């Protein structure tokens, strides 16, 4: 997608800015920026396309998609309504379907804002779920410890594209939520020659279960002596996000010291709806199962500090100076990712080689330079 942005940029530079073809190039570059999660840049391109040719429908689609990703549902709906009103495209099935989707998402968001997530969590009861006699897969019970052998059996079961039964998945998701709930926002991990020889930090796996298995094959399964830290974005994009999360959670339940998990910006319902995880869960299980996954994401820590020196977090640093690790411990992390503030920066900010702070291409949080990083490390005795 970076190449697509590059080529569309070259096309925009040579085309007559008043030529309606420019609207196509701006709109296509907006699409590429959305795929790169640069929603701010995508909004700018969509606006530029509309300015060149207000009758080009795709520009409104791109703008609506960017606004949706940024959690601005009302504005996203208005952009699609413009296609109906300004362009008089009222009976287009695709437009109507997208409007239905966005309006439903808005209702769900408003509903969830009115209830306590803990209440929603407590109302989901696995006891009434029957297990078919034909099911011959792994079983999860609060009465039996999750062993390493059980986890490896589960991994192979899912490798064959078999589903952990919903009853047992619900038990597992409740157990992991209870475990993660006890962890701090910023977890301290000690790596020393005596007990922990090394720790492996992994970036986004985005639903690529077979890539995850390959990591374990090449580097070894997680153990207390050689633990892993997965730095968020376990889900979305790939087709096996459910399996990725189950595998990571299973290791965590087996031994909390063999694997550490950070929350990423994709462990969030808005992006799950846009990038596929919610749809995957609904296809493989049901809406209540998605609610349990969502609840577990709210429990995930936001960062880990290794040996009191290395801060590992999915996003980056902050829109203001003077932030201390103690401030991060005071964040209410058990919620959807806010559109601004410390938690937002921890999951969305990006580094840049330019000094200082800069507006982010993502349309949320900032880009921060090496001078900002150095000051934060010095202020917190890190590095």
Protein backbone atom coordinates (compact mmCIF):
# COMPACT_ATOMS: atom_id res chain seq x y z
CA UNK A 1 0.00 0.00 0.00
CA UNK A 2 2.95 2.34 0.52
CA UNK A 3 3.77 1.88 -3.18
CA UNK A 4 0.16 2.65 -4.10
CA UNK A 5 0.34 5.93 -2.15
CA UNK A 6 3.62 6.75 -3.88
CA UNK A 7 2.26 6.14 -7.38
CA UNK A 8 -1.02 7.97 -6.81
CA UNK A 9 0.99 10.90 -5.44
CA UNK A 10 3.03 11.00 -8.65
CA UNK A 11 -0.18 10.89 -10.71
CA UNK A 12 -1.67 13.76 -8.67
CA UNK A 13 1.48 15.83 -9.24
CA UNK A 14 1.27 15.61 -13.03
CA UNK A 15 -2.50 15.77 -13.62
CA UNK A 16 -4.32 19.04 -14.18
CA UNK A 17 -5.81 19.84 -10.72
CA UNK A 18 -9.06 20.96 -12.35
CA UNK A 19 -9.37 17.72 -14.36
CA UNK A 20 -11.94 15.35 -12.86
CA UNK A 21 -9.39 12.56 -13.22
CA UNK A 22 -7.62 14.10 -10.23
CA UNK A 23 -10.64 13.20 -8.11
CA UNK A 24 -10.12 9.54 -8.98
CA UNK A 25 -6.45 9.71 -7.98
CA UNK A 26 -7.20 11.49 -4.70
CA UNK A 27 -9.98 9.00 -3.92
CA UNK A 28 -7.78 6.01 -4.71
CA UNK A 29 -4.97 7.41 -2.60
CA UNK A 30 -7.48 7.87 0.22
CA UNK A 31 -8.36 4.17 -0.08
CA UNK A 32 -4.68 3.22 0.18
CA UNK A 33 -4.26 5.50 3.21
CA UNK A 34 -7.23 3.81 4.90
CA UNK A 35 -5.55 0.44 4.42
CA UNK A 36 -2.44 1.91 6.07
CA UNK A 37 -4.66 3.26 8.89
CA UNK A 38 -3.64 6.83 8.02
CA UNK A 39 -7.17 8.09 8.46
CA UNK A 40 -6.21 11.76 8.75
CA UNK A 41 -4.44 11.65 5.39
CA UNK A 42 -7.36 9.72 3.91
CA UNK A 43 -9.78 12.43 5.05
CA UNK A 44 -7.63 15.08 3.41
CA UNK A 45 -7.54 13.15 0.14
CA UNK A 46 -11.29 12.52 0.20
CA UNK A 47 -11.94 16.23 0.72
CA UNK A 48 -9.56 17.07 -2.12
CA UNK A 49 -11.39 14.63 -4.41
CA UNK A 50 -14.76 16.14 -3.50
CA UNK A 51 -13.41 19.65 -4.17
CA UNK A 52 -12.32 18.60 -7.67
CA UNK A 53 -15.50 16.64 -8.48
CA UNK A 54 -18.42 16.80 -6.02
CA UNK A 55 -20.31 14.27 -8.17
CA UNK A 56 -17.80 11.42 -7.69
CA UNK A 57 -19.47 9.00 -5.21
CA UNK A 58 -16.37 7.07 -4.11
CA UNK A 59 -14.93 10.19 -2.48
CA UNK A 60 -17.82 10.20 0.00
CA UNK A 61 -17.33 6.49 0.65
CA UNK A 62 -13.67 7.07 1.49
CA UNK A 63 -14.49 9.97 3.78
CA UNK A 64 -17.21 7.97 5.52
CA UNK A 65 -14.85 5.00 6.05
CA UNK A 66 -12.17 7.25 7.56
CA UNK A 67 -14.62 8.94 9.89
CA UNK A 68 -16.00 5.58 10.98
CA UNK A 69 -12.51 4.31 11.81
CA UNK A 70 -11.97 7.43 13.93
CA UNK A 71 -15.19 6.71 15.84
CA UNK A 72 -17.08 9.66 14.31
CA UNK A 73 -20.22 7.75 13.42
CA UNK A 74 -22.57 10.72 13.00
CA UNK A 75 -20.23 12.35 10.50
CA UNK A 76 -19.64 9.02 8.71
CA UNK A 77 -23.41 8.60 8.27
CA UNK A 78 -23.77 12.15 6.91
CA UNK A 79 -21.18 11.48 4.20
CA UNK A 80 -23.14 8.50 2.91
CA UNK A 81 -26.38 10.46 3.10
CA UNK A 82 -24.75 13.04 0.82
CA UNK A 83 -24.50 10.39 -1.86
CA UNK A 84 -28.27 10.00 -1.62
CA UNK A 85 -29.12 13.69 -1.38
CA UNK A 86 -26.50 15.50 -3.44
CA UNK A 87 -26.07 12.83 -6.09
CA UNK A 88 -29.67 11.61 -5.92
CA UNK A 89 -28.56 7.99 -5.57
CA UNK A 90 -31.35 6.79 -3.30
CA UNK A 91 -31.88 3.16 -4.24
CA UNK A 92 -28.26 2.04 -4.41
CA UNK A 93 -28.05 -1.25 -2.51
CA UNK A 94 -24.42 -0.72 -1.45
CA UNK A 95 -25.08 2.75 -0.04
CA UNK A 96 -28.19 1.56 1.78
CA UNK A 97 -26.37 -1.43 3.24
CA UNK A 98 -23.51 0.73 4.51
CA UNK A 99 -25.95 3.22 6.02
CA UNK A 100 -27.78 0.39 7.77
CA UNK A 101 -24.46 -0.89 9.10
CA UNK A 102 -23.38 2.52 10.42
CA UNK A 103 -26.73 3.32 12.01
CA UNK A 104 -26.70 -0.03 13.77
CA UNK A 105 -23.14 0.59 14.95
CA UNK A 106 -24.24 3.96 16.33
CA UNK A 107 -27.13 2.34 18.24
CA UNK A 108 -24.82 -0.29 19.70
CA UNK A 109 -22.29 2.33 20.77
CA UNK A 110 -24.96 4.43 22.45
CA UNK A 111 -26.39 1.36 24.19
CA UNK A 112 -23.01 0.24 25.51
CA UNK A 113 -22.34 3.75 26.80
CA UNK A 114 -25.41 3.39 29.01
CA UNK A 115 -24.50 0.12 30.72
CA UNK A 116 -21.70 -1.20 32.86
CA UNK A 117 -19.40 -3.58 31.01
CA UNK A 118 -19.15 -5.70 34.14
CA UNK A 119 -22.94 -6.17 34.14
CA UNK A 120 -22.89 -7.20 30.49
CA UNK A 121 -20.07 -9.65 31.29
CA UNK A 122 -21.86 -11.16 34.29
CA UNK A 123 -25.08 -11.79 32.38
CA UNK A 124 -23.36 -14.17 29.94
CA UNK A 125 -23.71 -17.61 31.52
CA UNK A 126 -22.12 -20.70 30.00
CA UNK A 127 -23.88 -23.17 32.28
CA UNK A 128 -26.92 -23.51 30.03
CA UNK A 129 -24.91 -24.36 26.91
CA UNK A 130 -25.18 -28.00 25.90
CA UNK A 131 -22.16 -29.80 24.47
CA UNK A 132 -23.00 -32.11 21.59
CA UNK A 133 -21.97 -35.78 22.07
CA UNK A 134 -20.06 -35.54 18.79
CA UNK A 135 -17.66 -32.89 20.17
CA UNK A 136 -14.25 -34.47 20.78
CA UNK A 137 -12.09 -31.39 21.27
CA UNK A 138 -10.36 -29.78 24.27
CA UNK A 139 -12.41 -29.13 27.41
CA UNK A 140 -11.99 -26.13 29.71
CA UNK A 141 -13.07 -26.32 33.34
CA UNK A 142 -12.47 -24.09 36.31
CA UNK A 143 -11.98 -27.27 38.34
CA UNK A 144 -9.00 -28.44 36.28
CA UNK A 145 -5.76 -26.47 35.75
CA UNK A 146 -4.80 -25.56 32.21
CA UNK A 147 -1.59 -27.45 31.54
CA UNK A 148 1.06 -27.00 28.89
CA UNK A 149 0.05 -30.32 27.33
CA UNK A 150 -3.55 -29.14 27.10
CA UNK A 151 -2.47 -25.90 25.38
CA UNK A 152 -0.38 -27.76 22.80
CA UNK A 153 -3.31 -30.08 22.13
CA UNK A 154 -5.55 -27.03 21.65
CA UNK A 155 -3.09 -25.47 19.19
CA UNK A 156 -3.07 -28.61 17.06
CA UNK A 157 -6.85 -28.87 17.26
CA UNK A 158 -7.19 -25.33 15.90
CA UNK A 159 -4.43 -25.92 13.32
CA UNK A 160 -6.86 -28.40 11.74
CA UNK A 161 -9.44 -25.54 11.63
CA UNK A 162 -11.61 -27.13 14.31
CA UNK A 163 -13.48 -24.89 16.74
CA UNK A 164 -13.16 -24.91 20.50
CA UNK A 165 -16.72 -25.45 21.72
CA UNK A 166 -18.55 -22.25 22.62
CA UNK A 167 -19.18 -23.41 26.19
CA UNK A 168 -15.48 -23.92 26.81
CA UNK A 169 -14.51 -20.74 24.98
CA UNK A 170 -16.81 -18.77 27.27
CA UNK A 171 -15.16 -20.32 30.32
CA UNK A 172 -11.71 -19.52 28.93
CA UNK A 173 -12.64 -15.90 28.14
CA UNK A 174 -14.08 -15.36 31.60
CA UNK A 175 -11.00 -16.86 33.22
CA UNK A 176 -8.60 -14.70 31.21
CA UNK A 177 -10.60 -11.55 31.94
CA UNK A 178 -10.41 -12.29 35.66
CA UNK A 179 -6.66 -12.90 35.41
CA UNK A 180 -5.89 -9.81 33.32
CA UNK A 181 -8.09 -7.64 35.53
CA UNK A 182 -5.56 -8.11 38.33
CA UNK A 183 -2.65 -6.78 36.28
CA UNK A 184 -1.46 -3.18 36.32
CA UNK A 185 -1.78 -0.79 33.39
CA UNK A 186 2.01 -0.95 33.09
CA UNK A 187 3.45 -4.33 34.06
CA UNK A 188 7.05 -4.68 35.24
CA UNK A 189 8.99 -7.68 33.92
CA UNK A 190 12.45 -8.71 35.10
CA UNK A 191 14.74 -10.49 32.66
CA UNK A 192 17.89 -11.85 34.29
CA UNK A 193 20.40 -14.57 33.62
CA UNK A 194 19.29 -16.70 36.57
CA UNK A 195 15.57 -17.21 35.93
CA UNK A 196 14.77 -15.66 32.53
CA UNK A 197 17.42 -16.03 29.85
CA UNK A 198 15.65 -13.84 27.27
CA UNK A 199 12.28 -12.43 26.28
CA UNK A 200 10.92 -12.37 22.72
CA UNK A 201 8.86 -9.31 21.74
CA UNK A 202 6.45 -9.82 18.83
CA UNK A 203 4.57 -7.16 16.90
CA UNK A 204 1.18 -7.33 15.19
CA UNK A 205 0.02 -10.82 14.20
CA UNK A 206 -3.39 -9.62 12.89
CA UNK A 207 -5.22 -12.92 12.73
CA UNK A 208 -2.42 -14.89 11.06
CA UNK A 209 -2.66 -18.05 13.14
CA UNK A 210 -0.33 -20.11 11.00
CA UNK A 211 2.31 -17.39 11.17
CA UNK A 212 1.93 -17.47 14.96
CA UNK A 213 2.47 -21.24 14.95
CA UNK A 214 5.54 -20.73 12.76
CA UNK A 215 6.96 -18.25 15.27
CA UNK A 216 6.59 -20.87 17.98
CA UNK A 217 8.09 -23.55 15.73
CA UNK A 218 11.19 -21.47 14.96
CA UNK A 219 11.65 -19.80 18.34
CA UNK A 220 10.12 -22.31 20.75
CA UNK A 221 6.86 -22.32 22.67
CA UNK A 222 6.52 -19.81 25.52
CA UNK A 223 8.05 -20.87 28.83
CA UNK A 224 8.73 -19.09 32.07
CA UNK A 225 12.46 -19.19 31.25
CA UNK A 226 11.98 -17.85 27.69
CA UNK A 227 8.77 -15.83 27.73
CA UNK A 228 7.11 -13.80 24.97
CA UNK A 229 5.62 -10.33 24.95
CA UNK A 230 3.00 -9.81 22.22
CA UNK A 231 2.61 -6.10 21.59
CA UNK A 232 -1.06 -5.84 20.57
CA UNK A 233 -3.05 -6.10 17.35
CA UNK A 234 -3.75 -9.80 17.68
CA UNK A 235 -6.91 -9.48 15.63
CA UNK A 236 -8.47 -8.05 12.43
CA UNK A 237 -7.34 -8.34 8.80
CA UNK A 238 -6.48 -12.06 8.96
CA UNK A 239 -9.03 -14.87 8.88
CA UNK A 240 -7.94 -16.60 12.10
CA UNK A 241 -8.07 -13.86 14.71
CA UNK A 242 -10.21 -16.02 17.00
CA UNK A 243 -7.59 -18.77 16.98
CA UNK A 244 -4.75 -16.28 17.59
CA UNK A 245 -6.41 -14.83 20.67
CA UNK A 246 -7.42 -18.22 22.05
CA UNK A 247 -3.83 -19.48 21.67
CA UNK A 248 -2.31 -16.44 23.44
CA UNK A 249 -4.90 -16.54 26.21
CA UNK A 250 -4.40 -20.28 26.72
CA UNK A 251 -0.66 -19.84 27.29
CA UNK A 252 -1.36 -16.94 29.66
CA UNK A 253 -3.76 -19.08 31.70
CA UNK A 254 -1.30 -21.96 31.71
CA UNK A 255 1.48 -19.78 33.14
CA UNK A 256 1.09 -15.98 33.38
CA UNK A 257 4.89 -15.62 33.46
CA UNK A 258 5.41 -17.40 30.12
CA UNK A 259 3.60 -14.81 28.03
CA UNK A 260 2.77 -11.12 28.38
CA UNK A 261 0.13 -9.29 26.37
CA UNK A 262 -0.23 -5.60 25.52
CA UNK A 263 -3.40 -4.10 24.14
CA UNK A 264 -3.23 -2.68 20.62
CA UNK A 265 -5.47 -0.17 18.89
CA UNK A 266 -7.20 -3.08 17.11
CA UNK A 267 -8.31 -4.58 20.42
CA UNK A 268 -11.24 -2.19 20.20
CA UNK A 269 -14.84 -2.64 18.98
CA UNK A 270 -14.85 0.14 16.35
CA UNK A 271 -11.91 -1.30 14.44
CA UNK A 272 -13.15 -4.86 15.04
CA UNK A 273 -16.32 -3.93 13.20
CA UNK A 274 -14.43 -2.32 10.32
CA UNK A 275 -11.54 -4.75 9.90
CA UNK A 276 -13.21 -8.09 10.39
CA UNK A 277 -12.82 -9.51 13.89
CA UNK A 278 -16.43 -8.94 14.90
CA UNK A 279 -17.65 -10.55 11.67
CA UNK A 280 -15.33 -13.50 12.20
CA UNK A 281 -16.60 -14.08 15.74
CA UNK A 282 -20.24 -13.82 14.60
CA UNK A 283 -19.57 -16.31 11.81
CA UNK A 284 -17.79 -18.79 14.09
CA UNK A 285 -19.75 -18.21 17.30
CA UNK A 286 -22.23 -15.46 18.25
CA UNK A 287 -22.71 -11.88 19.51
CA UNK A 288 -22.34 -12.85 23.17
CA UNK A 289 -19.00 -14.45 22.37
CA UNK A 290 -17.85 -11.22 20.77
CA UNK A 291 -18.89 -9.35 23.92
CA UNK A 292 -16.71 -11.68 25.97
CA UNK A 293 -13.74 -11.13 23.66
CA UNK A 294 -14.36 -7.38 23.84
CA UNK A 295 -14.47 -7.47 27.63
CA UNK A 296 -11.18 -9.37 27.73
CA UNK A 297 -9.59 -6.70 25.50
CA UNK A 298 -10.60 -4.02 28.01
CA UNK A 299 -8.66 -5.93 30.68
CA UNK A 300 -5.39 -6.08 28.71
CA UNK A 301 -2.46 -4.07 30.11
CA UNK A 302 -1.36 -1.02 28.12
CA UNK A 303 2.42 -1.44 28.43
CA UNK A 304 5.24 -3.46 29.92
CA UNK A 305 8.56 -2.25 31.31
CA UNK A 306 11.48 -4.67 30.93
CA UNK A 307 14.23 -4.51 33.56
CA UNK A 308 13.13 -0.99 34.53
CA UNK A 309 14.72 0.21 31.27
CA UNK A 310 12.68 -0.68 28.20
CA UNK A 311 9.11 0.50 27.75
CA UNK A 312 7.10 -1.63 25.33
CA UNK A 313 3.73 -0.30 24.19
CA UNK A 314 1.73 -0.58 20.98
CA UNK A 315 1.61 3.11 20.07
CA UNK A 316 3.94 5.71 21.47
CA UNK A 317 4.45 8.83 23.52
CA UNK A 318 2.31 11.75 24.47
CA UNK A 319 0.95 15.06 23.26
CA UNK A 320 2.43 16.76 26.31
CA UNK A 321 5.67 16.65 28.33
CA UNK A 322 5.96 15.60 31.93
CA UNK A 323 4.11 12.27 31.72
CA UNK A 324 5.37 9.78 34.30
CA UNK A 325 4.86 6.04 34.55
CA UNK A 326 2.82 6.70 37.67
CA UNK A 327 0.37 8.72 35.55
CA UNK A 328 -0.09 5.74 33.24
CA UNK A 329 -0.97 3.52 36.19
CA UNK A 330 -3.91 5.81 37.01
CA UNK A 331 -5.61 5.44 33.60
CA UNK A 332 -8.98 3.70 33.46
CA UNK A 333 -8.03 1.20 30.74
CA UNK A 334 -11.21 -0.87 31.00
CA UNK A 335 -13.06 0.89 28.22
CA UNK A 336 -13.01 1.48 24.47
CA UNK A 337 -9.94 3.41 23.33
CA UNK A 338 -10.61 7.15 23.82
CA UNK A 339 -10.15 9.63 20.96
CA UNK A 340 -7.59 11.62 22.94
CA UNK A 341 -5.53 11.53 26.11
CA UNK A 342 -2.80 9.29 27.50
CA UNK A 343 -4.44 5.96 26.66
CA UNK A 344 -5.12 7.08 23.10
CA UNK A 345 -1.47 8.09 22.64
CA UNK A 346 -0.25 4.78 24.09
CA UNK A 347 -2.16 2.90 21.40
CA UNK A 348 -2.04 5.30 18.42
CA UNK A 349 1.02 7.58 18.48
CA UNK A 350 3.87 6.95 16.01
CA UNK A 351 7.60 7.74 16.07
CA UNK A 352 9.19 9.95 13.42
CA UNK A 353 12.75 10.97 12.63
CA UNK A 354 11.70 14.64 12.76
CA UNK A 355 12.24 16.40 16.07
CA UNK A 356 9.29 17.64 18.09
CA UNK A 357 5.63 16.70 17.87
CA UNK A 358 3.64 16.64 14.66
CA UNK A 359 0.11 16.05 13.46
CA UNK A 360 -0.40 12.36 12.76
CA UNK A 361 -1.39 10.99 9.37
CA UNK A 362 -3.73 8.72 11.30
CA UNK A 363 -6.03 11.59 12.25
CA UNK A 364 -5.67 10.73 15.93
CA UNK A 365 -2.83 11.28 18.45
CA UNK A 366 0.59 12.50 17.22
CA UNK A 367 3.93 11.67 15.69
CA UNK A 368 6.84 12.24 18.09
CA UNK A 369 10.53 12.75 17.41
CA UNK A 370 13.69 11.34 19.03
CA UNK A 371 14.01 14.41 21.25
CA UNK A 372 10.56 13.72 22.73
CA UNK A 373 11.53 10.08 23.31
CA UNK A 374 14.82 11.04 24.95
CA UNK A 375 13.14 13.47 27.35
CA UNK A 376 10.48 10.91 28.32
CA UNK A 377 13.13 8.24 28.96
CA UNK A 378 15.19 10.64 31.08
CA UNK A 379 12.14 11.82 33.04
CA UNK A 380 11.28 8.21 33.89
CA UNK A 381 14.81 6.79 34.40
CA UNK A 382 14.41 4.46 31.41
CA UNK A 383 16.73 3.65 28.54
